[in-house]
Amino acid sequence: MIIINTIKDIYYNIKYGIENLINWFFIIWRDRDFDHCFFHEIMLHKLKNMEKFFRSDYAYSVNANKDADNIKHAINLLERIVNNDYTQEALKLFYEKYPDYKFEFKTEPCPDNPNLHRLIDDKTEEQKELLSICYKNADELEKKDYNEMYKYLREHIEEWWD
């Protein structure tokens, strides 16, 4: 009986190992070690896999649907972080006041070296001040999502097992 169980374990380890390699291939292929965004992409993929499992017929836990819903909440928070739309969201305030403003890089030749160009900042002091407020708001929104997501994980992740 032990030999049969061992053979079964080997078979399922190989089967699920190959499925995992396929499932994770493109995530790992795109992974890089120099930026936190790649860490969040990996975590997002893992949470999506977990939610799918807890919503499947393979989950035995009585709380599987509740766990899947909790994981989905973590996914929603993490997707906001991964999508990183905080600046666009915060700039709505700027565009309400300056709806026709176009962010463009304008340059001019440097007087002492015509081969080099310098950026021209044509924003008014009022626009610069409002942009500073918008960027500060974007940072606060991002920080809020980070705090909420990691707090949520800290409080719930140990519940997500089957």
Foldseek 3Di string as FASTA:
>chain_A
DVVVVVVVVVVVCVVVVVVVCVLCVVLVVPADDPDCLSVLSVVLSVLVVLLVCLPDPNDDDPCSPVLSVLSVVLNVLSVCLNVLCLLVVLCVVVCVVVVPDDDDWDWDADPVGNVDIDTDDPDDPVSVVSSVVSVVRSVVVNVVSVVVSVVSCVVPVVVRDD
